Amino acid sequence: MVEVLRALADPVRLEIVQRLAGTGEESCNAIGSDLDVHQTTLSHHYRVLREAGVTWTTVKGLSRLVRLRRDDLDVLFPGLLDSVLNGARPVRPAAEG
């Protein structure tokens, strides 16, 4: 649980998780385009989330798709993800395009 909480404690990672909770799955590029974070830093955030067990990353062609491991997290830590997401400030809406 410590690794999950550590991963969710960072504002950028929390914003990524909020976005994924709303969309289900997004490409790394789509998420990153709305965040004011350098690409290498963003890659670090994706890795931390993945290694903590918060997200899955799937490679499709040249794209990397990221999605929440909501079911796994709910089994291991019932209500944790919902509590964190409900207590977080609202995420900026994704750019229309």
C-alpha atoms as a PDB file:
ATOM      1  CA  MET A   1       0.000   0.000   0.000  1.00  0.00           C
ATOM      2  CA  VAL A   2       2.897   2.359   0.690  1.00  0.00           C
ATOM      3  CA  GLU A   3       4.012   2.321  -2.950  1.00  0.00           C
ATOM      4  CA  VAL A   4       0.477   3.012  -4.191  1.00  0.00           C
ATOM      5  CA  LEU A   5       0.053   5.937  -1.805  1.00  0.00           C
ATOM      6  CA  ARG A   6       3.492   7.285  -2.699  1.00  0.00           C
ATOM      7  CA  ALA A   7       2.587   7.109  -6.395  1.00  0.00           C
ATOM      8  CA  LEU A   8      -0.731   8.881  -5.830  1.00  0.00           C
ATOM      9  CA  ALA A   9       0.796  11.579  -3.596  1.00  0.00           C
ATOM     10  CA  ASP A  10       2.463  13.443  -6.472  1.00  0.00           C
ATOM     11  CA  PRO A  11       0.215  16.117  -8.057  1.00  0.00           C
ATOM     12  CA  VAL A  12       1.197  15.245 -11.644  1.00  0.00           C
ATOM     13  CA  ARG A  13       0.621  11.514 -11.117  1.00  0.00           C
ATOM     14  CA  LEU A  14      -2.660  12.220  -9.364  1.00  0.00           C
ATOM     15  CA  GLU A  15      -3.756  14.300 -12.345  1.00  0.00           C
ATOM     16  CA  ILE A  16      -2.831  11.438 -14.682  1.00  0.00           C
ATOM     17  CA  VAL A  17      -4.890   9.034 -12.552  1.00  0.00           C
ATOM     18  CA  GLN A  18      -7.835  11.442 -12.495  1.00  0.00           C
ATOM     19  CA  ARG A  19      -7.737  11.670 -16.281  1.00  0.00           C
ATOM     20  CA  LEU A  20      -7.605   7.890 -16.634  1.00  0.00           C
ATOM     21  CA  ALA A  21     -10.479   7.470 -14.181  1.00  0.00           C
ATOM     22  CA  GLY A  22     -12.578   9.637 -16.483  1.00  0.00           C
ATOM     23  CA  THR A  23     -11.494   8.262 -19.833  1.00  0.00           C
ATOM     24  CA  GLY A  24     -10.643   4.642 -19.093  1.00  0.00           C
ATOM     25  CA  GLU A  25      -7.610   4.563 -21.384  1.00  0.00           C
ATOM     26  CA  GLU A  26      -5.472   7.177 -23.095  1.00  0.00           C
ATOM     27  CA  SER A  27      -2.237   7.351 -24.989  1.00  0.00           C
ATOM     28  CA  CYS A  28       0.770   8.712 -23.132  1.00  0.00           C
ATOM     29  CA  ASN A  29       1.015  11.495 -25.718  1.00  0.00           C
ATOM     30  CA  ALA A  30      -2.592  12.588 -25.229  1.00  0.00           C
ATOM     31  CA  ILE A  31      -2.230  12.820 -21.465  1.00  0.00           C
ATOM     32  CA  GLY A  32       1.151  14.528 -21.699  1.00  0.00           C
ATOM     33  CA  SER A  33      -0.042  17.161 -24.138  1.00  0.00           C
ATOM     34  CA  ASP A  34      -2.220  18.740 -21.433  1.00  0.00           C
ATOM     35  CA  LEU A  35       0.406  18.667 -18.687  1.00  0.00           C
ATOM     36  CA  ASP A  36       3.167  21.254 -18.378  1.00  0.00           C
ATOM     37  CA  VAL A  37       5.850  18.609 -17.765  1.00  0.00           C
ATOM     38  CA  HIS A  38       8.950  17.701 -19.771  1.00  0.00           C
ATOM     39  CA  GLN A  39       8.699  14.392 -21.645  1.00  0.00           C
ATOM     40  CA  THR A  40      11.419  12.675 -19.597  1.00  0.00           C
ATOM     41  CA  THR A  41       9.720  13.702 -16.361  1.00  0.00           C
ATOM     42  CA  LEU A  42       6.403  12.447 -17.703  1.00  0.00           C
ATOM     43  CA  SER A  43       7.990   9.100 -18.570  1.00  0.00           C
ATOM     44  CA  HIS A  44       9.203   8.895 -14.977  1.00  0.00           C
ATOM     45  CA  HIS A  45       5.667   9.509 -13.685  1.00  0.00           C
ATOM     46  CA  TYR A  46       4.241   6.779 -15.943  1.00  0.00           C
ATOM     47  CA  ARG A  47       6.913   4.357 -14.701  1.00  0.00           C
ATOM     48  CA  VAL A  48       6.200   5.117 -11.033  1.00  0.00           C
ATOM     49  CA  LEU A  49       2.462   4.543 -11.562  1.00  0.00           C
ATOM     50  CA  ARG A  50       3.094   1.318 -13.462  1.00  0.00           C
ATOM     51  CA  GLU A  51       5.596  -0.080 -10.942  1.00  0.00           C
ATOM     52  CA  ALA A  52       3.279   0.761  -8.026  1.00  0.00           C
ATOM     53  CA  GLY A  53       0.535  -1.262  -9.694  1.00  0.00           C
ATOM     54  CA  VAL A  54      -1.733   1.723 -10.334  1.00  0.00           C
ATOM     55  CA  THR A  55      -1.697   1.524 -14.147  1.00  0.00           C
ATOM     56  CA  TRP A  56      -1.166  -0.864 -17.040  1.00  0.00           C
ATOM     57  CA  THR A  57       0.713   0.230 -20.149  1.00  0.00           C
ATOM     58  CA  THR A  58      -0.002  -1.495 -23.454  1.00  0.00           C
ATOM     59  CA  VAL A  59       1.982  -0.951 -26.634  1.00  0.00           C
ATOM     60  CA  LYS A  60      -0.097  -0.729 -29.825  1.00  0.00           C
ATOM     61  CA  GLY A  61       1.971   0.105 -32.864  1.00  0.00           C
ATOM     62  CA  LEU A  62       3.867   3.270 -32.043  1.00  0.00           C
ATOM     63  CA  SER A  63       1.507   4.265 -29.241  1.00  0.00           C
ATOM     64  CA  ARG A  64       1.606   3.436 -25.560  1.00  0.00           C
ATOM     65  CA  LEU A  65      -1.846   3.222 -24.019  1.00  0.00           C
ATOM     66  CA  VAL A  66      -2.253   3.662 -20.289  1.00  0.00           C
ATOM     67  CA  ARG A  67      -5.218   2.562 -18.182  1.00  0.00           C
ATOM     68  CA  LEU A  68      -5.982   2.298 -14.484  1.00  0.00           C
ATOM     69  CA  ARG A  69      -5.827  -1.038 -12.717  1.00  0.00           C
ATOM     70  CA  ARG A  70      -9.015  -0.070 -10.902  1.00  0.00           C
ATOM     71  CA  ASP A  71     -10.302  -3.617 -10.402  1.00  0.00           C
ATOM     72  CA  ASP A  72      -6.984  -4.812  -8.983  1.00  0.00           C
ATOM     73  CA  LEU A  73      -6.709  -1.805  -6.675  1.00  0.00           C
ATOM     74  CA  ASP A  74     -10.301  -2.199  -5.484  1.00  0.00           C
ATOM     75  CA  VAL A  75      -9.644  -5.844  -4.563  1.00  0.00           C
ATOM     76  CA  LEU A  76      -6.409  -5.074  -2.726  1.00  0.00           C
ATOM     77  CA  PHE A  77      -7.444  -1.778  -1.135  1.00  0.00           C
ATOM     78  CA  PRO A  78     -11.262  -1.438  -1.203  1.00  0.00           C
ATOM     79  CA  GLY A  79     -12.378   2.169  -1.546  1.00  0.00           C
ATOM     80  CA  LEU A  80      -8.857   3.629  -1.628  1.00  0.00           C
ATOM     81  CA  LEU A  81      -8.859   4.852  -5.209  1.00  0.00           C
ATOM     82  CA  ASP A  82     -12.356   6.320  -4.939  1.00  0.00           C
ATOM     83  CA  SER A  83     -11.410   8.104  -1.703  1.00  0.00           C
ATOM     84  CA  VAL A  84      -8.270   9.583  -3.230  1.00  0.00           C
ATOM     85  CA  LEU A  85     -10.077  10.665  -6.397  1.00  0.00           C
ATOM     86  CA  ASN A  86     -13.025  12.146  -4.483  1.00  0.00           C
ATOM     87  CA  GLY A  87     -10.684  14.125  -2.230  1.00  0.00           C
ATOM     88  CA  ALA A  88      -8.541  15.483  -5.066  1.00  0.00           C
ATOM     89  CA  ARG A  89      -9.086  18.807  -6.761  1.00  0.00           C
ATOM     90  CA  PRO A  90     -10.866  18.565 -10.121  1.00  0.00           C
ATOM     91  CA  VAL A  91      -8.675  17.808 -13.121  1.00  0.00           C
ATOM     92  CA  ARG A  92      -8.544  20.150 -16.081  1.00  0.00           C
ATOM     93  CA  PRO A  93     -10.715  18.832 -18.919  1.00  0.00           C
ATOM     94  CA  ALA A  94      -8.897  17.194 -21.808  1.00  0.00           C
ATOM     95  CA  ALA A  95      -8.383  19.347 -24.872  1.00  0.00           C
ATOM     96  CA  GLU A  96     -10.985  18.736 -27.540  1.00  0.00           C
ATOM     97  CA  GLY A  97      -9.539  17.600 -30.767  1.00  0.00           C
END
